[in-house]
Protein backbone atom coordinates (compact mmCIF):
# COMPACT_ATOMS: atom_id res chain seq x y z
CA MET A 1 37.16 -21.34 -56.94
CA ALA A 2 35.29 -24.49 -55.10
CA SER A 3 35.50 -24.82 -51.80
CA ASP A 4 34.44 -25.84 -48.03
CA SER A 5 33.28 -23.23 -46.40
CA SER A 6 34.50 -19.59 -45.71
CA PRO A 7 37.80 -18.03 -46.89
CA VAL A 8 40.89 -18.22 -45.22
CA PRO A 9 43.45 -15.14 -45.11
CA VAL A 10 46.67 -14.88 -47.17
CA PRO A 11 50.21 -14.96 -45.82
CA ALA A 12 52.57 -11.98 -45.84
CA THR A 13 53.72 -10.89 -49.18
CA THR A 14 56.74 -9.81 -51.21
CA GLY A 15 55.60 -8.60 -53.82
CA THR A 16 52.86 -9.44 -56.75
CA VAL A 17 53.28 -11.31 -59.72
CA THR A 18 51.75 -12.09 -62.76
CA THR A 19 52.51 -15.23 -64.57
CA ALA A 20 51.83 -17.76 -66.98
CA VAL A 21 54.19 -20.12 -65.42
CA PRO A 22 51.28 -23.22 -64.52
CA ALA A 23 49.36 -22.37 -68.23
CA ARG A 24 52.87 -23.30 -70.01
CA LEU A 25 53.72 -26.09 -67.65
CA ASP A 26 49.93 -28.18 -68.51
CA ARG A 27 50.25 -27.24 -71.70
CA LEU A 28 53.61 -29.49 -72.34
CA PRO A 29 52.99 -32.42 -74.89
CA TRP A 30 54.66 -35.86 -73.11
CA SER A 31 58.55 -35.15 -73.33
CA ARG A 32 61.77 -36.78 -72.71
CA TRP A 33 62.33 -34.29 -70.05
CA HIS A 34 59.19 -35.61 -68.45
CA TRP A 35 60.61 -38.93 -68.19
CA MET A 36 63.83 -37.71 -66.65
CA ILE A 37 61.61 -36.33 -64.19
CA VAL A 38 59.60 -39.49 -63.57
CA ILE A 39 62.94 -41.42 -63.46
CA GLY A 40 64.86 -39.10 -60.89
CA LEU A 41 61.80 -38.74 -58.97
CA GLY A 42 59.78 -41.83 -59.33
CA THR A 43 62.42 -44.12 -58.68
CA VAL A 44 62.85 -43.77 -54.83
CA TRP A 45 59.93 -45.79 -54.20
CA ILE A 46 61.74 -48.30 -55.52
CA LEU A 47 63.87 -48.30 -52.80
CA ASP A 48 61.15 -48.18 -50.00
CA GLY A 49 59.99 -51.67 -51.73
CA LEU A 50 63.50 -52.72 -51.55
CA GLU A 51 63.56 -51.76 -48.13
CA VAL A 52 60.74 -52.85 -46.30
CA THR A 53 60.07 -56.55 -48.36
CA ILE A 54 63.83 -57.08 -47.08
CA VAL A 55 62.89 -56.97 -43.70
CA GLY A 56 59.54 -58.67 -43.83
CA ASN A 57 61.69 -61.92 -45.83
CA VAL A 58 64.09 -61.71 -43.70
CA ALA A 59 62.57 -61.24 -39.93
CA GLY A 60 62.78 -65.49 -39.65
CA ARG A 61 66.64 -65.22 -40.51
CA LEU A 62 66.91 -62.73 -37.92
CA ALA A 63 65.38 -64.40 -35.60
CA GLU A 64 67.89 -67.64 -36.41
CA GLU A 65 70.68 -68.65 -33.96
CA GLY A 66 73.62 -67.36 -35.51
CA SER A 67 71.95 -64.10 -37.29
CA GLY A 68 74.06 -61.86 -35.53
CA LEU A 69 71.16 -60.33 -33.61
CA ASP A 70 69.61 -60.92 -30.66
CA ILE A 71 65.91 -60.39 -32.05
CA THR A 72 62.69 -62.78 -31.96
CA ALA A 73 60.99 -62.79 -35.35
CA ALA A 74 57.31 -61.19 -34.01
CA GLN A 75 60.12 -58.01 -33.26
CA VAL A 76 61.05 -57.49 -36.53
CA THR A 77 57.90 -57.79 -37.83
CA GLY A 78 55.80 -55.66 -34.89
CA VAL A 79 58.23 -53.51 -33.39
CA ALA A 80 61.08 -52.83 -35.79
CA ALA A 81 57.90 -52.63 -38.28
CA ALA A 82 55.72 -49.78 -36.47
CA LEU A 83 59.37 -47.84 -35.52
CA TYR A 84 60.12 -47.68 -39.20
CA VAL A 85 56.67 -46.12 -39.59
CA ALA A 86 56.98 -44.07 -36.88
CA GLY A 87 60.10 -42.62 -38.49
CA ALA A 88 58.16 -41.93 -42.15
CA CYS A 89 55.57 -40.45 -40.11
CA SER A 90 57.94 -38.23 -38.00
CA GLY A 91 60.15 -37.36 -40.98
CA ALA A 92 57.47 -36.06 -43.68
CA LEU A 93 55.84 -33.73 -40.96
CA PHE A 94 59.34 -32.52 -40.41
CA PHE A 95 60.39 -32.17 -43.99
CA GLY A 96 56.77 -31.84 -45.55
CA TRP A 97 57.22 -28.26 -43.52
CA LEU A 98 61.05 -27.77 -44.98
CA THR A 99 60.10 -28.81 -48.32
CA ASP A 100 56.95 -25.57 -48.55
CA ARG A 101 59.69 -23.04 -47.12
CA TYR A 102 62.24 -24.00 -48.44
CA GLY A 103 61.73 -26.05 -51.76
CA ARG A 104 61.08 -29.49 -53.10
CA LYS A 105 64.78 -30.14 -54.86
CA ARG A 106 66.90 -29.07 -52.28
CA LEU A 107 64.33 -31.68 -49.81
CA PHE A 108 64.17 -34.63 -51.95
CA MET A 109 67.96 -34.58 -51.94
CA VAL A 110 68.46 -34.56 -48.22
CA THR A 111 65.57 -36.89 -47.53
CA LEU A 112 67.18 -39.78 -49.59
CA VAL A 113 70.64 -38.55 -48.13
CA VAL A 114 68.98 -39.32 -44.55
CA TYR A 115 67.77 -42.95 -46.11
CA LEU A 116 71.23 -43.82 -47.70
CA GLY A 117 73.31 -43.18 -44.46
CA ALA A 118 70.57 -44.78 -41.96
CA THR A 119 70.24 -47.84 -44.49
CA ALA A 120 74.09 -48.23 -44.36
CA MET A 121 73.86 -47.87 -40.58
CA THR A 122 71.16 -51.03 -40.47
CA ALA A 123 73.58 -53.26 -42.22
CA LEU A 124 76.14 -52.99 -39.61
CA SER A 125 73.96 -53.91 -36.84
CA PHE A 126 75.29 -55.43 -33.83
CA GLU A 127 72.37 -55.11 -31.66
CA SER A 128 68.89 -54.69 -31.40
CA TRP A 129 68.35 -51.49 -30.11
CA TRP A 130 70.69 -50.64 -32.62
CA PHE A 131 69.25 -52.24 -35.54
CA PHE A 132 65.03 -50.65 -34.17
CA LEU A 133 67.28 -46.96 -34.18
CA PHE A 134 67.77 -47.14 -37.65
CA ARG A 135 64.56 -48.74 -38.56
CA PHE A 136 63.68 -45.32 -37.59
CA LEU A 137 65.83 -43.14 -39.37
CA THR A 138 65.90 -45.21 -42.45
CA GLY A 139 61.94 -44.02 -41.74
CA PHE A 140 62.83 -40.91 -41.04
CA GLY A 141 64.30 -40.32 -44.56
CA ILE A 142 61.78 -42.40 -46.48
CA GLY A 143 58.39 -40.07 -44.98
CA GLY A 144 60.46 -36.90 -46.17
CA GLU A 145 60.33 -38.07 -49.21
CA TYR A 146 57.00 -38.75 -49.86
CA ALA A 147 55.73 -35.09 -48.98
CA ALA A 148 59.20 -33.35 -51.03
CA ILE A 149 58.65 -35.91 -54.12
CA ASN A 150 54.94 -36.27 -54.60
CA SER A 151 54.50 -32.59 -54.71
CA ALA A 152 57.17 -32.40 -56.98
CA ILE A 153 55.87 -34.77 -59.31
CA ASP A 154 52.64 -32.57 -59.56
CA GLU A 155 54.01 -29.82 -59.90
CA LEU A 156 56.12 -30.86 -62.63
CA ILE A 157 53.48 -33.09 -64.92
CA PRO A 158 51.26 -31.52 -67.05
CA SER A 159 47.45 -32.09 -66.24
CA LEU A 160 46.64 -34.69 -68.89
CA TYR A 161 48.98 -36.89 -67.25
CA ARG A 162 48.95 -35.79 -63.83
CA GLY A 163 46.76 -39.18 -62.51
CA ARG A 164 48.49 -41.72 -64.55
CA VAL A 165 52.05 -40.39 -64.03
CA ASP A 166 51.33 -39.67 -59.56
CA LEU A 167 49.92 -43.23 -59.77
CA VAL A 168 52.52 -45.50 -61.71
CA VAL A 169 55.49 -43.50 -59.50
CA ASN A 170 53.62 -44.49 -55.97
CA GLY A 171 53.04 -48.12 -57.53
CA SER A 172 56.60 -48.23 -58.70
CA TYR A 173 56.92 -49.09 -54.91
CA TRP A 174 56.13 -52.69 -55.89
CA LEU A 175 59.30 -52.89 -58.58
CA GLY A 176 61.66 -52.41 -55.27
CA ALA A 177 59.41 -54.78 -53.28
CA ILE A 178 59.79 -57.26 -56.19
CA GLY A 179 63.57 -57.04 -56.25
CA GLY A 180 63.85 -57.25 -52.38
CA ALA A 181 61.79 -60.28 -52.79
CA LEU A 182 63.55 -61.93 -55.18
CA LEU A 183 66.79 -60.95 -53.62
CA SER A 184 66.41 -62.64 -50.18
CA VAL A 185 65.36 -65.53 -51.81
CA VAL A 186 69.68 -65.10 -52.59
CA MET A 187 70.43 -63.76 -49.56
CA LEU A 188 69.19 -66.10 -47.09
CA ASP A 189 70.55 -68.82 -48.86
CA THR A 190 73.15 -70.43 -46.31
CA ASP A 191 74.79 -72.18 -49.07
CA VAL A 192 75.71 -68.59 -50.73
CA PHE A 193 76.14 -66.40 -47.83
CA PRO A 194 76.67 -67.07 -43.54
CA LYS A 195 73.55 -66.58 -41.56
CA ASN A 196 75.28 -63.19 -40.17
CA LEU A 197 76.43 -61.92 -43.85
CA GLY A 198 73.58 -62.30 -46.64
CA TRP A 199 70.86 -60.34 -44.88
CA ARG A 200 73.48 -57.49 -44.08
CA LEU A 201 74.83 -57.85 -47.95
CA SER A 202 70.88 -56.67 -49.13
CA PHE A 203 71.02 -53.53 -46.77
CA ALA A 204 74.26 -52.80 -48.51
CA LEU A 205 72.74 -53.14 -52.18
CA GLY A 206 69.63 -50.42 -51.31
CA VAL A 207 72.67 -48.17 -50.91
CA VAL A 208 74.49 -48.88 -54.22
CA LEU A 209 71.10 -48.50 -55.64
CA GLY A 210 70.79 -45.23 -53.70
CA LEU A 211 73.87 -43.51 -54.61
CA ALA A 212 72.72 -44.41 -58.27
CA VAL A 213 69.33 -42.45 -57.85
CA LEU A 214 71.18 -39.80 -56.44
CA LEU A 215 73.11 -38.95 -59.34
CA VAL A 216 70.34 -39.00 -61.33
CA ARG A 217 68.29 -36.94 -59.36
CA ARG A 218 71.02 -33.74 -59.48
CA HIS A 219 69.52 -33.23 -62.72
CA VAL A 220 66.15 -32.79 -61.52
CA PRO A 221 64.95 -29.13 -61.02
CA GLU A 222 63.44 -27.07 -58.75
CA SER A 223 59.27 -26.82 -59.08
CA PRO A 224 58.49 -23.59 -61.05
CA ARG A 225 55.33 -23.17 -58.79
CA TRP A 226 56.96 -23.22 -55.69
CA GLN A 227 59.75 -20.84 -57.36
CA PHE A 228 57.31 -17.82 -58.98
CA ILE A 229 55.61 -17.71 -55.74
CA HIS A 230 58.74 -17.96 -53.38
CA GLY A 231 60.45 -14.65 -55.07
CA ARG A 232 61.63 -16.41 -57.65
CA GLN A 233 59.70 -15.46 -60.69
CA GLU A 234 63.21 -15.02 -62.98
CA ASP A 235 64.50 -18.43 -62.49
CA ALA A 236 60.59 -20.04 -62.39
CA GLU A 237 60.41 -18.10 -66.34
CA GLU A 238 64.15 -19.24 -67.51
CA LEU A 239 63.51 -22.86 -66.68
CA VAL A 240 59.58 -23.19 -68.24
CA SER A 241 61.60 -21.08 -71.11
CA SER A 242 64.33 -23.50 -71.04
CA VAL A 243 61.70 -26.74 -71.54
CA GLU A 244 59.30 -25.53 -73.96
CA GLU A 245 63.23 -25.13 -76.33
CA ARG A 246 63.82 -28.62 -75.51
CA ILE A 247 60.59 -29.71 -76.68
CA GLU A 248 60.05 -28.20 -79.47
CA ARG A 249 63.12 -28.67 -80.79
CA GLU A 250 62.12 -32.38 -79.10
CA LYS A 251 58.67 -32.04 -81.15
CA GLY A 252 59.79 -30.32 -84.16
CA GLU A 253 56.63 -28.21 -83.77
CA ALA A 254 55.52 -24.71 -82.16
CA LEU A 255 53.70 -25.57 -79.07
CA PRO A 256 50.22 -23.78 -78.38
CA PRO A 257 49.45 -20.78 -76.24
CA PRO A 258 49.21 -20.89 -72.73
CA ALA A 259 45.30 -21.41 -71.75
CA GLY A 260 45.70 -17.87 -69.19
CA GLU A 261 47.30 -16.04 -66.11
CA ILE A 262 47.63 -16.21 -63.03
CA THR A 263 48.46 -13.07 -60.21
CA VAL A 264 49.62 -13.75 -56.84
CA HIS A 265 51.05 -12.25 -53.94
CA GLN A 266 54.96 -13.56 -53.72
CA ARG A 267 55.84 -14.95 -50.14
CA LYS A 268 58.67 -16.56 -48.11
CA SER A 269 56.52 -18.27 -45.59
CA ILE A 270 53.67 -19.64 -44.29
CA GLY A 271 52.54 -20.76 -40.50
CA PHE A 272 51.43 -23.85 -39.35
CA GLY A 273 48.22 -21.92 -38.00
CA LEU A 274 47.17 -20.93 -41.31
CA ILE A 275 48.27 -24.46 -43.05
CA ALA A 276 46.02 -25.89 -40.47
CA ARG A 277 42.86 -23.38 -41.24
CA THR A 278 43.39 -23.78 -44.80
CA VAL A 279 42.76 -27.38 -44.78
CA PHE A 280 39.97 -28.46 -41.82
CA GLY A 281 38.88 -24.59 -42.15
CA ARG A 282 38.25 -24.01 -45.99
CA TYR A 283 38.29 -27.57 -47.56
CA PRO A 284 36.65 -29.98 -44.27
CA ARG A 285 35.30 -32.44 -46.64
CA ARG A 286 38.49 -32.88 -48.57
CA ALA A 287 40.65 -33.56 -45.15
CA VAL A 288 37.69 -36.37 -44.18
CA LEU A 289 38.25 -37.92 -47.88
CA GLY A 290 41.96 -37.68 -47.40
CA LEU A 291 42.41 -39.32 -43.94
CA SER A 292 39.88 -41.76 -45.23
CA LEU A 293 42.42 -42.61 -47.58
CA PHE A 294 45.11 -42.92 -45.76
CA ILE A 295 43.58 -44.60 -42.99
CA GLY A 296 42.35 -46.88 -45.06
CA GLN A 297 45.12 -48.34 -47.13
CA ALA A 298 47.76 -48.17 -44.50
CA PHE A 299 46.45 -50.68 -42.29
CA LEU A 300 45.64 -53.17 -45.16
CA TYR A 301 49.30 -52.55 -46.05
CA ASN A 302 51.30 -51.80 -43.24
CA ALA A 303 49.33 -54.80 -40.82
CA VAL A 304 49.13 -57.19 -43.75
CA THR A 305 52.26 -56.79 -46.25
CA PHE A 306 54.66 -56.91 -43.38
CA GLY A 307 53.69 -60.08 -41.91
CA PHE A 308 53.45 -61.85 -44.79
CA GLY A 309 56.10 -64.16 -44.81
CA THR A 310 55.74 -64.84 -41.37
CA ILE A 311 51.70 -65.75 -42.30
CA LEU A 312 53.03 -68.24 -44.84
CA THR A 313 56.14 -69.62 -42.73
CA THR A 314 53.70 -70.20 -40.02
CA PHE A 315 50.29 -71.70 -41.77
CA PHE A 316 51.51 -72.83 -44.57
CA ASP A 317 55.41 -74.67 -43.65
CA VAL A 318 57.11 -72.39 -46.23
CA PRO A 319 60.70 -72.77 -45.70
CA THR A 320 62.16 -69.14 -44.74
CA GLY A 321 64.31 -68.74 -47.76
CA SER A 322 61.65 -69.21 -50.24
CA THR A 323 58.75 -67.04 -49.15
CA GLY A 324 60.46 -64.18 -51.67
CA TYR A 325 58.86 -66.16 -53.98
CA TYR A 326 55.61 -65.66 -53.29
CA PHE A 327 56.13 -62.47 -52.35
CA ALA A 328 57.21 -61.46 -55.50
CA VAL A 329 53.65 -62.76 -56.93
CA ILE A 330 52.11 -60.68 -55.42
CA ALA A 331 54.09 -57.69 -55.42
CA ALA A 332 53.75 -57.94 -59.44
CA GLY A 333 49.88 -57.42 -58.89
CA ASN A 334 50.72 -54.54 -56.63
CA PHE A 335 52.29 -52.96 -59.75
CA LEU A 336 50.10 -53.63 -62.25
CA GLY A 337 47.73 -52.35 -60.83
CA PRO A 338 48.40 -48.48 -60.98
CA LEU A 339 50.26 -49.46 -64.31
CA LEU A 340 47.26 -51.08 -65.83
CA LEU A 341 44.54 -48.83 -63.79
CA GLY A 342 46.25 -45.47 -63.53
CA LYS A 343 44.83 -43.71 -66.82
CA LEU A 344 40.84 -44.82 -66.60
CA PHE A 345 41.97 -42.03 -63.37
CA ASP A 346 42.36 -39.44 -66.21
CA THR A 347 39.79 -40.54 -68.30
CA LEU A 348 36.78 -41.92 -66.02
CA GLY A 349 38.11 -39.79 -63.48
CA ARG A 350 39.12 -39.68 -59.86
CA ARG A 351 35.40 -40.45 -58.01
CA ILE A 352 34.37 -43.50 -59.90
CA MET A 353 38.24 -45.15 -60.41
CA ILE A 354 39.64 -44.25 -56.12
CA SER A 355 36.02 -45.46 -54.76
CA SER A 356 35.66 -48.46 -56.66
CA THR A 357 39.52 -49.76 -56.01
CA TYR A 358 38.73 -49.17 -52.56
CA LEU A 359 35.69 -51.11 -52.62
CA LEU A 360 36.65 -53.94 -54.79
CA SER A 361 39.76 -54.23 -52.58
CA GLY A 362 38.15 -54.58 -49.65
CA VAL A 363 35.47 -57.05 -50.79
CA LEU A 364 38.02 -59.59 -52.24
CA LEU A 365 39.60 -59.39 -49.21
CA PHE A 366 36.53 -60.34 -46.83
CA ALA A 367 36.13 -63.19 -49.45
CA THR A 368 40.34 -64.10 -49.05
CA ALA A 369 39.37 -63.94 -45.46
CA TRP A 370 37.02 -66.26 -45.00
CA LEU A 371 38.61 -68.87 -47.64
CA PHE A 372 41.85 -68.54 -45.29
CA ASP A 373 39.28 -69.33 -42.04
CA GLN A 374 37.89 -72.21 -43.76
CA GLY A 375 41.00 -73.86 -44.68
CA SER A 376 40.28 -73.81 -48.26
CA LEU A 377 43.85 -71.99 -48.80
CA THR A 378 47.15 -73.21 -49.85
CA ALA A 379 50.46 -71.00 -50.28
CA THR A 380 49.92 -70.73 -54.00
CA THR A 381 46.06 -70.23 -53.62
CA MET A 382 46.28 -67.48 -50.72
CA THR A 383 49.40 -65.98 -52.65
CA ALA A 384 46.84 -65.86 -55.64
CA CYS A 385 43.83 -64.22 -53.91
CA TRP A 386 46.34 -61.94 -52.54
CA CYS A 387 47.61 -60.88 -55.67
CA VAL A 388 44.05 -60.03 -57.57
CA VAL A 389 43.07 -58.09 -53.87
CA LEU A 390 46.36 -55.72 -54.22
CA PHE A 391 46.25 -55.15 -58.06
CA PHE A 392 43.13 -53.44 -56.64
CA ALA A 393 44.42 -52.10 -53.92
CA SER A 394 47.27 -50.80 -54.52
CA ALA A 395 45.71 -48.50 -57.90
CA GLY A 396 43.59 -47.38 -54.25
CA ALA A 397 46.62 -46.51 -52.42
CA SER A 398 48.44 -44.37 -54.82
CA SER A 399 45.63 -42.97 -55.40
CA ALA A 400 45.17 -41.50 -51.77
CA TYR A 401 49.12 -39.26 -52.45
CA LEU A 402 47.64 -38.08 -55.57
CA THR A 403 44.37 -37.07 -53.72
CA VAL A 404 45.83 -34.59 -50.87
CA SER A 405 48.67 -33.66 -53.20
CA GLU A 406 46.19 -32.47 -55.93
CA VAL A 407 43.19 -30.82 -53.10
CA PHE A 408 44.50 -28.43 -51.45
CA PRO A 409 46.73 -24.74 -52.34
CA MET A 410 50.27 -25.09 -53.44
CA GLU A 411 51.51 -23.52 -50.41
CA THR A 412 50.79 -26.30 -48.17
CA ARG A 413 50.80 -28.57 -50.58
CA ALA A 414 53.96 -30.31 -49.02
CA MET A 415 52.44 -30.36 -45.54
CA ALA A 416 49.32 -31.71 -46.50
CA ILE A 417 51.24 -34.76 -47.92
CA ALA A 418 52.61 -34.73 -44.73
CA PHE A 419 49.88 -34.10 -42.41
CA PHE A 420 47.10 -37.10 -44.00
CA TYR A 421 50.31 -39.55 -44.47
CA ALA A 422 51.76 -39.35 -41.28
CA LEU A 423 48.20 -39.03 -38.97
CA GLY A 424 46.68 -41.97 -41.75
CA THR A 425 49.74 -44.41 -41.16
CA ALA A 426 50.31 -43.60 -37.68
CA ALA A 427 46.56 -44.94 -37.13
CA GLY A 428 46.72 -47.65 -39.61
CA GLY A 429 50.61 -48.18 -39.56
CA ILE A 430 51.58 -48.08 -36.41
CA SER A 431 49.03 -49.60 -35.02
CA GLY A 432 48.29 -51.94 -38.22
CA PRO A 433 51.96 -54.09 -37.62
CA LEU A 434 51.85 -54.65 -33.72
CA ILE A 435 48.23 -55.84 -33.76
CA PHE A 436 49.31 -57.93 -37.00
CA ALA A 437 51.88 -59.19 -35.32
CA ASP A 438 50.58 -60.29 -32.13
CA LEU A 439 47.51 -61.97 -34.01
CA THR A 440 50.04 -63.97 -36.22
CA SER A 441 52.14 -65.37 -33.53
CA SER A 442 49.52 -66.58 -31.87
CA GLY A 443 49.31 -69.06 -34.04
CA VAL A 444 45.53 -68.93 -35.00
CA VAL A 445 44.06 -69.09 -37.66
CA GLY A 446 41.01 -67.37 -36.59
CA ASP A 447 43.08 -64.65 -35.27
CA THR A 448 44.79 -63.44 -38.42
CA ALA A 449 41.26 -63.63 -40.70
CA LEU A 450 40.11 -61.07 -37.98
CA ALA A 451 43.22 -58.52 -38.93
CA PHE A 452 42.12 -59.52 -42.74
CA ARG A 453 38.33 -58.72 -41.98
CA ILE A 454 39.67 -55.36 -39.84
CA GLY A 455 41.62 -54.22 -43.49
CA ALA A 456 38.61 -55.14 -45.30
CA ALA A 457 36.60 -53.31 -43.20
CA LEU A 458 38.72 -50.07 -43.53
CA MET A 459 38.95 -50.27 -47.07
CA CYS A 460 35.21 -50.26 -48.07
CA ALA A 461 34.59 -47.41 -45.14
CA ALA A 462 37.47 -45.77 -47.40
CA GLY A 463 35.58 -46.29 -50.80
CA LEU A 464 32.04 -45.52 -49.75
CA VAL A 465 34.02 -41.74 -48.60
CA ALA A 466 35.27 -41.50 -52.08
CA ALA A 467 32.12 -41.80 -53.35
CA PHE A 468 31.09 -38.99 -51.89
CA LEU A 469 33.46 -36.70 -51.53
CA ALA A 470 36.02 -37.30 -54.35
CA VAL A 471 37.34 -34.61 -56.25
CA LYS A 472 36.81 -33.78 -59.84
CA ALA A 473 40.09 -32.77 -60.14
CA GLU A 474 41.36 -35.30 -63.58
CA ARG A 475 42.63 -33.04 -66.48
CA ARG A 476 42.32 -29.78 -64.53
CA SER A 477 44.45 -27.07 -63.52
CA LEU A 478 45.49 -27.47 -59.39
CA GLU A 479 45.50 -24.11 -59.91
CA ASP A 480 41.78 -24.44 -60.70
CA ILE A 481 41.37 -27.68 -58.05
CA ALA A 482 42.34 -25.62 -54.98
CA GLU A 483 42.73 -21.50 -56.09
CA PRO A 484 46.54 -20.74 -54.31
CA LEU A 485 46.18 -18.78 -50.95
CA SER A 486 48.56 -15.85 -52.29
CA VAL A 487 46.54 -15.10 -55.44
CA ALA A 488 45.65 -11.42 -55.88
CA LYS A 489 42.33 -10.59 -55.96
CA PRO A 490 40.45 -7.89 -58.15
CA ASP A 491 40.06 -4.32 -56.21
CA PRO A 492 35.80 -4.37 -56.49
CA ALA A 493 36.79 -0.61 -55.69
CA GLY A 494 38.93 -0.05 -58.60
CA SER A 495 37.09 -2.25 -61.23
CA ARG A 496 33.11 -1.21 -63.31
């Protein structure tokens, strides 16, 4: 098994089991059962996109007299945005640890409930401190979703489709962004809703949609990979057998035999010390790769897209109620990137696709910054440039989540996702909105162009790191990419 350094001791065990569950899951053809997984788990990113976009587009309205809140647009796109990301980072770490300890299913239900409650409270905001508090708690729930859901998806989807499915699921965030952008157009129309009501109803709609997702998600099973390592081998075997029977009936033919078995020492939990030694001691190059990818995409997205509406109103005199139309266009470009390029991550491979999407988006963003600084863009052409940049950037950003969820051992998967998401997003996602809010509020074109260039430079740097360090993970089982820490080694004394 390829690794970067010396082996790491295995955790305390509760028994030894030999199973073909991973191979049985990986050899399954695509089926209705897999669609249920994607719909049940992936739809939360639509809610995340809806949340972030609504906040960005209603920033101007919240700052207006009569909105019901004493708050400025800079506070919405700066302080509130940073608190949302800070909450997401904290939630990812907290729930990520719980996900590896107590299972994927239990936690992706809990985190959705946290999100729903905090969003409902945001809609009831009567003071700025209340709005800030529940933006933090909404992010807290969303951060936990990233860790629980990405680990569950990668462990349930066959290796042949894992790359494209992961990218499209993470890219579905932008479907929510399209909905949020268009919804804000209606909700900000004072001929339809009063100033102090429309933005509240926008958040309330997110709660309604979240409840629908909660109902679907009840049918998504626990990860059999998590089950057999945590002493629930019988549950894992029963679940996989039922899925196999369902798929054989659907396809009308018998499944091929699994490729092999794996023997592991079962265990109940794993400590932070072992996780840290695994990530940084056993796989230091993969750690550098994950951190680079997350910092690059986090700064680009959290620094720039949070303030896209402010750019339009500040530099192009676009009315507050019309910014949603423009954002819907760039959101569509963001979704089309993972949708159309996703398959290439499974065919051409991770290294060439991750590096090229990061580098292309960075170069195109540099060009956009130059055109903007020269005064050569209008609101329409600016939107068109962003649409092209984010077509590639979105596929690259989604691949960051794919990368950290598949290149580390299963026992550390959710925590690894949480750690890199939190660290990378804290670096680019908390400082980004704060810096960007100041740059755009100055009203100086050169200041905003500088923010674009910083984001472009970080994307290009991450692309170069990926060109050298990206792991050949396409069409390989998770256990082959990163051997489980609990795997049972052959006894040399007993072999001949």
